[in-house]
């Protein structure tokens, strides 16, 4: 029997599986300018990736009044859906996921994207049918609240010690810590990996090949 430390592996989406960080940051900046706010820096726009949309926009644009948040969200969606076709998977993601499926792992997505956004991404990519379950920020509490991980674990009756969260932001790793799960960080997404240390990931992978190798040996 193949050794398996984790039964359920949950992945963040943007910046972890998809090379979308720069595009999302650009869309956030454009949306804030559209509603009359001060353009967030690249760092500020990247930091909020992984949060729920409105939580992220409010954090990135503190000078935009609350009554303009609905318009801010609409403008972000306008910019994002206009260029989402430019986003692609990181090289090596598909064989990594296929290998994990072959070993019998349950695979899930835990993302700050909307349900609509995730469903559209899954439908237009070669990932259709890969994941056993998913949770989005508009379905449940946003990161770093652990609710989406709690719901995924409950769905498959998998305890925290048999669950691994993989993500590119401190929001992902803090959510895992809050849920009592192990985590792995990736350094090629939205957040600088130096910020991961306090959140005690088992690994900080610097590319998909390193992540795949580690999962093959340790997951």
N, C-alpha and C. Protein backbone atom coordinates (compact mmCIF):
# COMPACT_ATOMS: atom_id res chain seq x y z
N UNK A 1 0.84 -1.19 0.00
CA UNK A 1 0.00 0.00 0.00
C UNK A 1 0.88 1.26 0.00
N UNK A 2 0.53 2.24 -0.82
CA UNK A 2 1.28 3.47 -0.91
C UNK A 2 1.10 4.30 0.36
N UNK A 3 2.20 4.76 0.92
CA UNK A 3 2.11 5.63 2.11
C UNK A 3 1.42 6.92 1.73
N UNK A 4 0.49 7.33 2.58
CA UNK A 4 -0.19 8.60 2.36
C UNK A 4 -0.39 9.28 3.71
N UNK A 5 0.27 10.42 3.88
CA UNK A 5 0.16 11.16 5.14
C UNK A 5 -1.13 11.98 5.18
N UNK A 6 -1.52 12.52 4.03
CA UNK A 6 -2.70 13.39 3.96
C UNK A 6 -3.74 12.78 3.02
N UNK A 7 -4.97 12.70 3.50
CA UNK A 7 -6.06 12.21 2.65
C UNK A 7 -6.64 13.32 1.79
N UNK A 8 -6.71 14.53 2.35
CA UNK A 8 -7.31 15.67 1.65
C UNK A 8 -6.25 16.76 1.45
N UNK A 9 -6.08 17.19 0.21
CA UNK A 9 -5.16 18.28 -0.10
C UNK A 9 -5.97 19.41 -0.73
N UNK A 10 -5.96 20.56 -0.07
CA UNK A 10 -6.70 21.73 -0.56
C UNK A 10 -5.73 22.74 -1.14
N UNK A 11 -6.04 23.23 -2.33
CA UNK A 11 -5.20 24.20 -3.01
C UNK A 11 -5.90 25.55 -3.08
N UNK A 12 -5.14 26.60 -2.83
CA UNK A 12 -5.56 27.92 -3.25
C UNK A 12 -5.52 27.93 -4.78
N UNK A 13 -6.14 28.94 -5.39
CA UNK A 13 -6.23 28.98 -6.84
C UNK A 13 -5.24 29.97 -7.45
N UNK A 14 -5.55 31.27 -7.30
CA UNK A 14 -4.74 32.30 -7.94
C UNK A 14 -3.37 32.42 -7.26
N UNK A 15 -2.32 32.34 -8.06
CA UNK A 15 -0.97 32.44 -7.54
C UNK A 15 -0.40 31.13 -7.04
N UNK A 16 -1.25 30.10 -6.97
CA UNK A 16 -0.81 28.78 -6.53
C UNK A 16 -0.87 27.78 -7.68
N UNK A 17 -2.04 27.70 -8.32
CA UNK A 17 -2.21 26.85 -9.50
C UNK A 17 -2.17 27.68 -10.78
N UNK A 18 -2.74 28.89 -10.71
CA UNK A 18 -2.82 29.75 -11.88
C UNK A 18 -1.89 30.96 -11.74
N UNK A 19 -1.23 31.29 -12.82
CA UNK A 19 -0.29 32.41 -12.87
C UNK A 19 -1.07 33.70 -13.11
N UNK A 20 -1.78 34.15 -12.07
CA UNK A 20 -2.75 35.23 -12.23
C UNK A 20 -2.49 36.44 -11.34
N UNK A 21 -1.44 36.39 -10.52
CA UNK A 21 -1.23 37.44 -9.53
C UNK A 21 -1.11 38.82 -10.16
N UNK A 22 -0.28 38.96 -11.18
CA UNK A 22 -0.05 40.28 -11.78
C UNK A 22 -1.32 40.82 -12.42
N UNK A 23 -2.09 39.95 -13.07
CA UNK A 23 -3.32 40.38 -13.73
C UNK A 23 -4.34 40.83 -12.70
N UNK A 24 -4.50 40.09 -11.62
CA UNK A 24 -5.46 40.47 -10.58
C UNK A 24 -5.07 41.80 -9.96
N UNK A 25 -3.79 41.98 -9.67
CA UNK A 25 -3.33 43.25 -9.09
C UNK A 25 -3.65 44.41 -10.03
N UNK A 26 -3.42 44.21 -11.33
CA UNK A 26 -3.73 45.24 -12.31
C UNK A 26 -5.22 45.58 -12.34
N UNK A 27 -6.06 44.57 -12.23
CA UNK A 27 -7.51 44.78 -12.24
C UNK A 27 -7.97 45.53 -10.99
N UNK A 28 -7.38 45.20 -9.85
CA UNK A 28 -7.70 45.92 -8.62
C UNK A 28 -7.33 47.39 -8.77
N UNK A 29 -6.15 47.67 -9.26
CA UNK A 29 -5.70 49.05 -9.44
C UNK A 29 -6.62 49.81 -10.39
N UNK A 30 -7.00 49.19 -11.50
CA UNK A 30 -7.86 49.85 -12.47
C UNK A 30 -9.24 50.13 -11.89
N UNK A 31 -9.78 49.18 -11.11
CA UNK A 31 -11.10 49.36 -10.51
C UNK A 31 -11.10 50.52 -9.52
N UNK A 32 -10.06 50.61 -8.71
CA UNK A 32 -9.98 51.69 -7.73
C UNK A 32 -9.91 53.05 -8.44
N UNK A 33 -9.13 53.13 -9.49
CA UNK A 33 -9.05 54.38 -10.25
C UNK A 33 -10.40 54.72 -10.88
N UNK A 34 -11.11 53.71 -11.35
CA UNK A 34 -12.41 53.93 -11.98
C UNK A 34 -13.41 54.63 -11.06
N UNK A 35 -13.33 54.34 -9.75
CA UNK A 35 -14.30 54.92 -8.81
C UNK A 35 -13.74 56.13 -8.07
N UNK A 36 -12.58 56.61 -8.54
CA UNK A 36 -12.04 57.84 -7.97
C UNK A 36 -11.11 57.68 -6.80
N UNK A 37 -10.67 56.45 -6.53
CA UNK A 37 -9.74 56.23 -5.42
C UNK A 37 -8.31 56.41 -5.86
N UNK A 38 -7.42 56.42 -4.88
CA UNK A 38 -5.99 56.51 -5.17
C UNK A 38 -5.48 55.13 -5.56
N UNK A 39 -4.72 55.05 -6.64
CA UNK A 39 -4.24 53.77 -7.14
C UNK A 39 -3.39 53.06 -6.09
N UNK A 40 -3.76 51.83 -5.72
CA UNK A 40 -2.93 51.08 -4.77
C UNK A 40 -1.58 50.74 -5.39
N UNK A 41 -0.57 50.64 -4.56
CA UNK A 41 0.73 50.18 -5.05
C UNK A 41 0.63 48.73 -5.50
N UNK A 42 1.62 48.29 -6.26
CA UNK A 42 1.66 46.89 -6.67
C UNK A 42 1.65 45.98 -5.44
N UNK A 43 2.39 46.37 -4.41
CA UNK A 43 2.48 45.56 -3.19
C UNK A 43 1.13 45.48 -2.49
N UNK A 44 0.44 46.62 -2.38
CA UNK A 44 -0.86 46.65 -1.71
C UNK A 44 -1.90 45.86 -2.48
N UNK A 45 -1.88 45.97 -3.81
CA UNK A 45 -2.84 45.24 -4.63
C UNK A 45 -2.59 43.73 -4.59
N UNK A 46 -1.32 43.34 -4.51
CA UNK A 46 -1.00 41.91 -4.44
C UNK A 46 -1.30 41.32 -3.08
N UNK A 47 -1.13 42.14 -2.02
CA UNK A 47 -1.31 41.62 -0.66
C UNK A 47 -2.71 41.07 -0.45
N UNK A 48 -3.73 41.69 -1.04
CA UNK A 48 -5.11 41.31 -0.75
C UNK A 48 -5.60 40.12 -1.56
N UNK A 49 -4.78 39.65 -2.50
CA UNK A 49 -5.18 38.48 -3.28
C UNK A 49 -5.35 37.28 -2.36
N UNK A 50 -6.45 36.58 -2.54
CA UNK A 50 -6.78 35.45 -1.67
C UNK A 50 -7.90 35.75 -0.71
N UNK A 51 -8.11 37.04 -0.40
CA UNK A 51 -9.27 37.43 0.39
C UNK A 51 -10.53 37.38 -0.48
N UNK A 52 -11.70 37.43 0.14
CA UNK A 52 -12.93 37.62 -0.61
C UNK A 52 -12.87 38.96 -1.33
N UNK A 53 -13.60 39.07 -2.45
CA UNK A 53 -13.46 40.24 -3.32
C UNK A 53 -13.70 41.55 -2.58
N UNK A 54 -14.81 41.70 -1.91
CA UNK A 54 -15.12 42.98 -1.28
C UNK A 54 -14.18 43.28 -0.12
N UNK A 55 -13.81 42.25 0.63
CA UNK A 55 -12.84 42.42 1.71
C UNK A 55 -11.51 42.90 1.13
N UNK A 56 -11.12 42.31 -0.01
CA UNK A 56 -9.85 42.67 -0.64
C UNK A 56 -9.88 44.11 -1.16
N UNK A 57 -10.97 44.48 -1.84
CA UNK A 57 -11.06 45.81 -2.41
C UNK A 57 -11.11 46.88 -1.32
N UNK A 58 -11.83 46.61 -0.25
CA UNK A 58 -11.91 47.57 0.85
C UNK A 58 -10.53 47.78 1.49
N UNK A 59 -9.77 46.70 1.60
CA UNK A 59 -8.43 46.80 2.19
C UNK A 59 -7.47 47.54 1.26
N UNK A 60 -7.61 47.29 -0.05
CA UNK A 60 -6.70 47.90 -1.01
C UNK A 60 -7.02 49.36 -1.28
N UNK A 61 -8.27 49.76 -1.01
CA UNK A 61 -8.72 51.12 -1.34
C UNK A 61 -9.38 51.77 -0.13
N UNK A 62 -8.62 52.04 0.93
CA UNK A 62 -9.22 52.58 2.16
C UNK A 62 -9.82 53.97 1.97
N UNK A 63 -9.47 54.66 0.90
CA UNK A 63 -10.01 56.00 0.69
C UNK A 63 -11.33 55.99 -0.08
N UNK A 64 -11.77 54.82 -0.55
CA UNK A 64 -13.03 54.73 -1.28
C UNK A 64 -14.16 54.56 -0.27
N UNK A 65 -15.19 55.43 -0.30
CA UNK A 65 -16.28 55.31 0.67
C UNK A 65 -17.08 54.03 0.47
N UNK A 66 -17.63 53.54 1.57
CA UNK A 66 -18.32 52.25 1.56
C UNK A 66 -19.46 52.19 0.56
N UNK A 67 -20.14 53.32 0.36
CA UNK A 67 -21.28 53.30 -0.56
C UNK A 67 -20.85 53.06 -2.01
N UNK A 68 -19.56 53.19 -2.29
CA UNK A 68 -19.07 52.94 -3.64
C UNK A 68 -18.50 51.52 -3.81
N UNK A 69 -18.55 50.71 -2.75
CA UNK A 69 -18.02 49.35 -2.85
C UNK A 69 -18.73 48.52 -3.93
N UNK A 70 -20.07 48.59 -4.05
CA UNK A 70 -20.71 47.79 -5.11
C UNK A 70 -20.19 48.15 -6.50
N UNK A 71 -20.02 49.45 -6.76
CA UNK A 71 -19.47 49.88 -8.04
C UNK A 71 -18.02 49.43 -8.19
N UNK A 72 -17.27 49.50 -7.10
CA UNK A 72 -15.87 49.05 -7.11
C UNK A 72 -15.81 47.57 -7.50
N UNK A 73 -16.68 46.77 -6.91
CA UNK A 73 -16.72 45.35 -7.25
C UNK A 73 -17.09 45.12 -8.70
N UNK A 74 -18.06 45.89 -9.19
CA UNK A 74 -18.46 45.75 -10.59
C UNK A 74 -17.31 46.10 -11.54
N UNK A 75 -16.58 47.15 -11.21
CA UNK A 75 -15.47 47.56 -12.08
C UNK A 75 -14.35 46.53 -12.06
N UNK A 76 -14.09 45.94 -10.88
CA UNK A 76 -13.09 44.88 -10.84
C UNK A 76 -13.51 43.71 -11.73
N UNK A 77 -14.74 43.28 -11.60
CA UNK A 77 -15.21 42.15 -12.41
C UNK A 77 -15.14 42.48 -13.90
N UNK A 78 -15.49 43.72 -14.24
CA UNK A 78 -15.40 44.14 -15.64
C UNK A 78 -13.99 43.97 -16.18
N UNK A 79 -13.02 44.46 -15.45
CA UNK A 79 -11.63 44.37 -15.91
C UNK A 79 -11.14 42.93 -15.93
N UNK A 80 -11.50 42.17 -14.89
CA UNK A 80 -11.00 40.80 -14.78
C UNK A 80 -11.56 39.91 -15.89
N UNK A 81 -12.87 39.94 -16.08
CA UNK A 81 -13.46 39.05 -17.07
C UNK A 81 -13.05 39.42 -18.49
N UNK A 82 -12.62 40.67 -18.70
CA UNK A 82 -12.17 41.09 -20.02
C UNK A 82 -10.82 40.47 -20.38
N UNK A 83 -10.01 40.10 -19.37
CA UNK A 83 -8.67 39.59 -19.67
C UNK A 83 -8.39 38.23 -19.04
N UNK A 84 -9.41 37.58 -18.49
CA UNK A 84 -9.14 36.31 -17.82
C UNK A 84 -8.60 35.25 -18.78
N UNK A 85 -8.85 35.41 -20.08
CA UNK A 85 -8.33 34.44 -21.05
C UNK A 85 -6.80 34.46 -21.12
N UNK A 86 -6.19 35.51 -20.58
CA UNK A 86 -4.72 35.60 -20.59
C UNK A 86 -4.07 34.76 -19.49
N UNK A 87 -4.88 34.28 -18.55
CA UNK A 87 -4.35 33.56 -17.39
C UNK A 87 -4.15 32.09 -17.74
N UNK A 88 -3.03 31.53 -17.30
CA UNK A 88 -2.75 30.13 -17.57
C UNK A 88 -2.23 29.43 -16.33
N UNK A 89 -2.30 28.12 -16.35
CA UNK A 89 -1.75 27.31 -15.27
C UNK A 89 -0.23 27.45 -15.23
N UNK A 90 0.32 27.39 -14.03
CA UNK A 90 1.77 27.26 -13.93
C UNK A 90 2.20 25.94 -14.57
N UNK A 91 3.35 25.97 -15.20
CA UNK A 91 3.87 24.76 -15.82
C UNK A 91 4.08 23.67 -14.77
N UNK A 92 3.61 22.48 -15.07
CA UNK A 92 3.78 21.34 -14.17
C UNK A 92 2.59 21.07 -13.28
N UNK A 93 1.59 21.95 -13.26
CA UNK A 93 0.44 21.76 -12.37
C UNK A 93 -0.37 20.54 -12.76
N UNK A 94 -0.66 20.37 -14.04
CA UNK A 94 -1.51 19.25 -14.47
C UNK A 94 -0.91 17.89 -14.12
N UNK A 95 0.36 17.62 -14.44
CA UNK A 95 0.91 16.31 -14.04
C UNK A 95 0.98 16.13 -12.53
N UNK A 96 1.22 17.20 -11.79
CA UNK A 96 1.23 17.10 -10.33
C UNK A 96 -0.13 16.68 -9.80
N UNK A 97 -1.19 17.32 -10.27
CA UNK A 97 -2.52 16.98 -9.81
C UNK A 97 -2.92 15.58 -10.24
N UNK A 98 -2.55 15.20 -11.45
CA UNK A 98 -2.86 13.85 -11.92
C UNK A 98 -2.17 12.79 -11.06
N UNK A 99 -0.93 13.05 -10.66
CA UNK A 99 -0.20 12.10 -9.82
C UNK A 99 -0.85 11.98 -8.44
N UNK A 100 -1.30 13.11 -7.89
CA UNK A 100 -1.95 13.07 -6.58
C UNK A 100 -3.26 12.30 -6.66
N UNK A 101 -4.02 12.51 -7.73
CA UNK A 101 -5.27 11.75 -7.91
C UNK A 101 -4.97 10.26 -8.00
N UNK A 102 -3.93 9.91 -8.73
CA UNK A 102 -3.58 8.51 -8.92
C UNK A 102 -3.20 7.84 -7.60
N UNK A 103 -2.66 8.62 -6.68
CA UNK A 103 -2.30 8.08 -5.36
C UNK A 103 -3.48 8.00 -4.42
N UNK A 104 -4.62 8.49 -4.84
CA UNK A 104 -5.83 8.38 -4.03
C UNK A 104 -6.13 9.56 -3.13
N UNK A 105 -5.40 10.66 -3.29
CA UNK A 105 -5.72 11.85 -2.51
C UNK A 105 -7.03 12.47 -2.97
N UNK A 106 -7.78 12.98 -2.03
CA UNK A 106 -8.90 13.87 -2.34
C UNK A 106 -8.34 15.25 -2.60
N UNK A 107 -8.77 15.90 -3.67
CA UNK A 107 -8.27 17.22 -4.02
C UNK A 107 -9.40 18.24 -3.95
N UNK A 108 -9.10 19.39 -3.36
CA UNK A 108 -10.10 20.44 -3.21
C UNK A 108 -9.49 21.79 -3.53
N UNK A 109 -10.36 22.76 -3.80
CA UNK A 109 -9.97 24.14 -3.99
C UNK A 109 -10.56 24.96 -2.85
N UNK A 110 -9.75 25.79 -2.23
CA UNK A 110 -10.20 26.72 -1.19
C UNK A 110 -9.71 28.10 -1.61
N UNK A 111 -10.60 28.93 -2.13
CA UNK A 111 -10.17 30.13 -2.83
C UNK A 111 -10.97 31.37 -2.44
N UNK A 112 -10.33 32.50 -2.59
CA UNK A 112 -11.01 33.78 -2.41
C UNK A 112 -11.81 34.20 -3.63
N UNK A 113 -11.75 33.44 -4.71
CA UNK A 113 -12.53 33.75 -5.89
C UNK A 113 -14.02 33.61 -5.60
N UNK A 114 -14.84 34.15 -6.47
CA UNK A 114 -16.28 33.94 -6.38
C UNK A 114 -16.63 32.58 -6.96
N UNK A 115 -17.83 32.10 -6.62
CA UNK A 115 -18.29 30.83 -7.19
C UNK A 115 -18.35 30.91 -8.71
N UNK A 116 -18.87 32.02 -9.21
CA UNK A 116 -18.96 32.20 -10.65
C UNK A 116 -17.57 32.18 -11.29
N UNK A 117 -16.64 32.91 -10.67
CA UNK A 117 -15.30 32.98 -11.23
C UNK A 117 -14.62 31.63 -11.26
N UNK A 118 -14.75 30.85 -10.17
CA UNK A 118 -14.11 29.54 -10.13
C UNK A 118 -14.75 28.59 -11.13
N UNK A 119 -16.09 28.60 -11.20
CA UNK A 119 -16.77 27.70 -12.13
C UNK A 119 -16.38 28.01 -13.57
N UNK A 120 -16.26 29.29 -13.89
CA UNK A 120 -15.86 29.65 -15.25
C UNK A 120 -14.43 29.21 -15.54
N UNK A 121 -13.57 29.35 -14.55
CA UNK A 121 -12.17 28.93 -14.74
C UNK A 121 -12.08 27.42 -14.92
N UNK A 122 -12.82 26.68 -14.14
CA UNK A 122 -12.81 25.22 -14.26
C UNK A 122 -13.38 24.78 -15.60
N UNK A 123 -14.43 25.45 -16.04
CA UNK A 123 -15.09 25.05 -17.28
C UNK A 123 -14.24 25.33 -18.51
N UNK A 124 -13.36 26.33 -18.41
CA UNK A 124 -12.58 26.71 -19.58
C UNK A 124 -11.14 26.19 -19.52
N UNK A 125 -10.85 25.38 -18.54
CA UNK A 125 -9.49 24.86 -18.41
C UNK A 125 -9.52 23.34 -18.53
N UNK A 126 -8.36 22.77 -18.51
CA UNK A 126 -8.25 21.31 -18.58
C UNK A 126 -8.35 20.68 -17.20
N UNK A 127 -8.80 21.45 -16.21
CA UNK A 127 -8.92 20.94 -14.84
C UNK A 127 -10.30 20.37 -14.53
N UNK A 128 -11.23 20.45 -15.48
CA UNK A 128 -12.59 19.97 -15.23
C UNK A 128 -12.55 18.52 -14.76
N UNK A 129 -13.21 18.25 -13.64
CA UNK A 129 -13.26 16.90 -13.11
C UNK A 129 -12.10 16.51 -12.22
N UNK A 130 -11.11 17.40 -12.09
CA UNK A 130 -9.93 17.08 -11.28
C UNK A 130 -10.22 17.15 -9.79
N UNK A 131 -11.03 18.13 -9.39
CA UNK A 131 -11.23 18.39 -7.97
C UNK A 131 -12.50 17.73 -7.45
N UNK A 132 -12.39 17.21 -6.24
CA UNK A 132 -13.51 16.51 -5.62
C UNK A 132 -14.48 17.48 -4.95
N UNK A 133 -14.01 18.68 -4.61
CA UNK A 133 -14.87 19.67 -3.95
C UNK A 133 -14.18 21.02 -4.02
N UNK A 134 -14.94 22.06 -3.73
CA UNK A 134 -14.35 23.41 -3.70
C UNK A 134 -15.20 24.30 -2.81
N UNK A 135 -14.55 25.34 -2.31
CA UNK A 135 -15.23 26.38 -1.55
C UNK A 135 -14.70 27.73 -2.02
N UNK A 136 -15.61 28.69 -2.15
CA UNK A 136 -15.25 30.03 -2.58
C UNK A 136 -15.64 31.03 -1.50
N UNK A 137 -15.09 32.23 -1.60
CA UNK A 137 -15.28 33.21 -0.53
C UNK A 137 -16.72 33.69 -0.42
N UNK A 138 -17.50 33.64 -1.52
CA UNK A 138 -18.89 34.07 -1.43
C UNK A 138 -19.83 32.96 -0.99
N UNK A 139 -19.31 31.75 -0.81
CA UNK A 139 -20.10 30.64 -0.29
C UNK A 139 -20.01 30.55 1.22
N UNK A 140 -18.88 30.94 1.76
CA UNK A 140 -18.58 30.73 3.17
C UNK A 140 -17.70 31.88 3.65
N UNK A 141 -17.14 31.77 4.82
CA UNK A 141 -16.30 32.86 5.33
C UNK A 141 -15.00 32.95 4.54
N UNK A 142 -14.51 34.18 4.35
CA UNK A 142 -13.26 34.38 3.63
C UNK A 142 -12.05 34.10 4.50
N UNK A 143 -10.93 33.90 3.86
CA UNK A 143 -9.66 33.67 4.56
C UNK A 143 -9.26 34.91 5.36
N UNK A 144 -8.62 34.72 6.51
CA UNK A 144 -8.08 33.48 7.08
C UNK A 144 -9.04 32.73 8.01
N UNK A 145 -10.33 33.08 8.01
CA UNK A 145 -11.29 32.30 8.77
C UNK A 145 -11.20 30.84 8.30
N UNK A 146 -11.20 29.88 9.21
CA UNK A 146 -10.99 28.49 8.81
C UNK A 146 -12.24 27.77 8.30
N UNK A 147 -13.37 28.48 8.17
CA UNK A 147 -14.64 27.80 7.89
C UNK A 147 -14.59 26.99 6.59
N UNK A 148 -13.98 27.54 5.54
CA UNK A 148 -14.01 26.77 4.28
C UNK A 148 -13.24 25.46 4.41
N UNK A 149 -12.15 25.45 5.17
CA UNK A 149 -11.45 24.19 5.41
C UNK A 149 -12.27 23.26 6.31
N UNK A 150 -12.91 23.83 7.32
CA UNK A 150 -13.77 23.00 8.17
C UNK A 150 -14.86 22.34 7.35
N UNK A 151 -15.45 23.08 6.43
CA UNK A 151 -16.53 22.52 5.60
C UNK A 151 -16.00 21.42 4.68
N UNK A 152 -14.85 21.62 4.10
CA UNK A 152 -14.27 20.60 3.22
C UNK A 152 -13.94 19.34 4.01
N UNK A 153 -13.36 19.51 5.19
CA UNK A 153 -13.04 18.34 6.01
C UNK A 153 -14.29 17.59 6.42
N UNK A 154 -15.35 18.34 6.77
CA UNK A 154 -16.61 17.70 7.17
C UNK A 154 -17.24 16.96 6.00
N UNK A 155 -17.13 17.51 4.80
CA UNK A 155 -17.73 16.89 3.62
C UNK A 155 -17.17 15.49 3.38
N UNK A 156 -15.88 15.31 3.65
CA UNK A 156 -15.25 14.02 3.39
C UNK A 156 -14.88 13.26 4.66
N UNK A 157 -15.27 13.82 5.82
CA UNK A 157 -14.98 13.19 7.10
C UNK A 157 -13.48 12.93 7.27
N UNK A 158 -12.70 13.98 6.96
CA UNK A 158 -11.25 13.92 7.10
C UNK A 158 -10.84 14.83 8.25
N UNK A 159 -10.06 14.34 9.21
CA UNK A 159 -9.66 15.18 10.35
C UNK A 159 -8.55 16.16 9.95
N UNK A 160 -8.34 17.19 10.76
CA UNK A 160 -7.31 18.19 10.44
C UNK A 160 -5.91 17.60 10.23
N UNK A 161 -5.56 16.60 11.03
CA UNK A 161 -4.20 16.06 10.91
C UNK A 161 -3.99 15.28 9.61
N UNK A 162 -5.06 15.02 8.86
CA UNK A 162 -4.96 14.33 7.58
C UNK A 162 -5.25 15.28 6.41
N UNK A 163 -5.19 16.59 6.69
CA UNK A 163 -5.52 17.61 5.69
C UNK A 163 -4.34 18.55 5.51
N UNK A 164 -4.05 18.88 4.25
CA UNK A 164 -2.95 19.78 3.91
C UNK A 164 -3.50 20.92 3.06
N UNK A 165 -3.12 22.15 3.41
CA UNK A 165 -3.49 23.34 2.65
C UNK A 165 -2.26 23.88 1.94
N UNK A 166 -2.38 24.18 0.65
CA UNK A 166 -1.26 24.71 -0.14
C UNK A 166 -1.67 26.06 -0.72
N UNK A 167 -0.87 27.09 -0.45
CA UNK A 167 -1.22 28.41 -0.94
C UNK A 167 -0.03 29.35 -1.03
N UNK A 168 -0.28 30.50 -1.66
CA UNK A 168 0.79 31.46 -1.93
C UNK A 168 0.73 32.70 -1.05
N UNK A 169 -0.21 32.75 -0.09
CA UNK A 169 -0.33 33.95 0.74
C UNK A 169 -0.37 33.59 2.22
N UNK A 170 -0.11 34.60 3.04
CA UNK A 170 -0.25 34.41 4.48
C UNK A 170 -1.70 34.13 4.85
N UNK A 171 -2.65 34.61 4.05
CA UNK A 171 -4.06 34.32 4.33
C UNK A 171 -4.32 32.81 4.27
N UNK A 172 -3.71 32.14 3.28
CA UNK A 172 -3.87 30.69 3.14
C UNK A 172 -3.26 29.95 4.32
N UNK A 173 -2.04 30.32 4.66
CA UNK A 173 -1.33 29.60 5.72
C UNK A 173 -1.93 29.88 7.09
N UNK A 174 -2.42 31.11 7.30
CA UNK A 174 -3.09 31.42 8.56
C UNK A 174 -4.40 30.66 8.67
N UNK A 175 -5.12 30.52 7.57
CA UNK A 175 -6.36 29.74 7.57
C UNK A 175 -6.07 28.29 7.97
N UNK A 176 -5.00 27.72 7.41
CA UNK A 176 -4.64 26.35 7.77
C UNK A 176 -4.31 26.24 9.24
N UNK A 177 -3.54 27.19 9.75
CA UNK A 177 -3.18 27.19 11.17
C UNK A 177 -4.44 27.30 12.03
N UNK A 178 -5.36 28.16 11.62
CA UNK A 178 -6.61 28.34 12.38
C UNK A 178 -7.47 27.07 12.37
N UNK A 179 -7.34 26.29 11.29
CA UNK A 179 -8.14 25.07 11.16
C UNK A 179 -7.45 23.86 11.78
N UNK A 180 -6.22 24.02 12.24
CA UNK A 180 -5.48 22.91 12.81
C UNK A 180 -4.85 22.00 11.78
N UNK A 181 -4.69 22.52 10.54
CA UNK A 181 -4.14 21.72 9.44
C UNK A 181 -2.69 22.09 9.17
N UNK A 182 -1.98 21.18 8.55
CA UNK A 182 -0.64 21.48 8.05
C UNK A 182 -0.75 22.32 6.78
N UNK A 183 0.33 23.00 6.45
CA UNK A 183 0.32 23.83 5.24
C UNK A 183 1.65 23.75 4.52
N UNK A 184 1.59 24.11 3.24
CA UNK A 184 2.77 24.32 2.40
C UNK A 184 2.59 25.66 1.71
N UNK A 185 3.63 26.48 1.72
CA UNK A 185 3.58 27.75 1.02
C UNK A 185 4.34 27.67 -0.30
N UNK A 186 3.91 28.49 -1.25
CA UNK A 186 4.65 28.61 -2.51
C UNK A 186 5.08 30.07 -2.65
N UNK A 187 6.32 30.26 -3.09
CA UNK A 187 6.91 31.60 -3.10
C UNK A 187 6.72 32.34 -4.42
N UNK A 188 6.07 31.68 -5.40
CA UNK A 188 5.97 32.27 -6.73
C UNK A 188 4.64 32.99 -6.97
N UNK A 189 3.89 33.26 -5.88
CA UNK A 189 2.60 33.92 -6.01
C UNK A 189 2.59 35.34 -5.50
N UNK A 190 1.59 35.67 -4.65
CA UNK A 190 1.33 37.06 -4.29
C UNK A 190 2.17 37.59 -3.14
N UNK A 191 2.55 36.75 -2.18
CA UNK A 191 3.22 37.23 -0.97
C UNK A 191 4.68 36.80 -0.92
N UNK A 192 5.48 37.65 -0.29
CA UNK A 192 6.89 37.32 -0.10
C UNK A 192 7.02 36.18 0.91
N UNK A 193 7.85 35.19 0.62
CA UNK A 193 7.91 34.00 1.48
C UNK A 193 8.47 34.26 2.87
N UNK A 194 9.17 35.38 3.08
CA UNK A 194 9.68 35.68 4.42
C UNK A 194 8.54 35.79 5.43
N UNK A 195 7.36 36.18 4.95
CA UNK A 195 6.21 36.33 5.84
C UNK A 195 5.61 35.00 6.25
N UNK A 196 6.03 33.91 5.60
CA UNK A 196 5.45 32.59 5.89
C UNK A 196 6.03 31.95 7.14
N UNK A 197 7.21 32.35 7.53
CA UNK A 197 7.96 31.63 8.56
C UNK A 197 7.16 31.49 9.86
N UNK A 198 6.53 32.57 10.29
CA UNK A 198 5.80 32.55 11.56
C UNK A 198 4.59 31.62 11.51
N UNK A 199 4.14 31.26 10.31
CA UNK A 199 2.95 30.43 10.15
C UNK A 199 3.29 28.95 10.00
N UNK A 200 4.57 28.63 10.07
CA UNK A 200 5.08 27.26 10.20
C UNK A 200 4.64 26.30 9.10
N UNK A 201 4.80 26.68 7.84
CA UNK A 201 4.51 25.70 6.78
C UNK A 201 5.54 24.58 6.79
N UNK A 202 5.14 23.42 6.32
CA UNK A 202 6.07 22.29 6.25
C UNK A 202 7.14 22.52 5.19
N UNK A 203 6.82 23.34 4.21
CA UNK A 203 7.73 23.62 3.09
C UNK A 203 7.36 24.96 2.49
N UNK A 204 8.34 25.69 1.97
CA UNK A 204 8.09 26.79 1.06
C UNK A 204 8.70 26.39 -0.28
N UNK A 205 7.85 26.10 -1.24
CA UNK A 205 8.31 25.64 -2.56
C UNK A 205 8.52 26.84 -3.47
N UNK A 206 9.59 26.81 -4.22
CA UNK A 206 9.92 27.93 -5.08
C UNK A 206 9.51 27.73 -6.54
N UNK A 207 9.02 26.55 -6.86
CA UNK A 207 8.42 26.31 -8.17
C UNK A 207 7.57 25.05 -8.07
N UNK A 208 6.82 24.77 -9.13
CA UNK A 208 5.90 23.63 -9.10
C UNK A 208 6.67 22.31 -9.06
N UNK A 209 7.81 22.26 -9.70
CA UNK A 209 8.61 21.02 -9.67
C UNK A 209 9.02 20.67 -8.24
N UNK A 210 9.48 21.66 -7.48
CA UNK A 210 9.86 21.41 -6.09
C UNK A 210 8.64 20.99 -5.27
N UNK A 211 7.50 21.64 -5.50
CA UNK A 211 6.28 21.28 -4.80
C UNK A 211 5.88 19.84 -5.11
N UNK A 212 5.90 19.48 -6.39
CA UNK A 212 5.53 18.12 -6.80
C UNK A 212 6.47 17.09 -6.17
N UNK A 213 7.76 17.35 -6.20
CA UNK A 213 8.72 16.42 -5.62
C UNK A 213 8.46 16.21 -4.13
N UNK A 214 8.17 17.29 -3.42
CA UNK A 214 7.91 17.19 -1.99
C UNK A 214 6.63 16.40 -1.72
N UNK A 215 5.60 16.68 -2.48
CA UNK A 215 4.34 15.97 -2.29
C UNK A 215 4.51 14.48 -2.57
N UNK A 216 5.27 14.16 -3.59
CA UNK A 216 5.52 12.75 -3.92
C UNK A 216 6.19 12.03 -2.76
N UNK A 217 7.09 12.72 -2.07
CA UNK A 217 7.86 12.08 -1.01
C UNK A 217 7.20 12.16 0.37
N UNK A 218 6.40 13.20 0.61
CA UNK A 218 5.96 13.47 1.97
C UNK A 218 4.44 13.53 2.18
N UNK A 219 3.67 13.60 1.11
CA UNK A 219 2.21 13.73 1.29
C UNK A 219 1.50 12.39 1.25
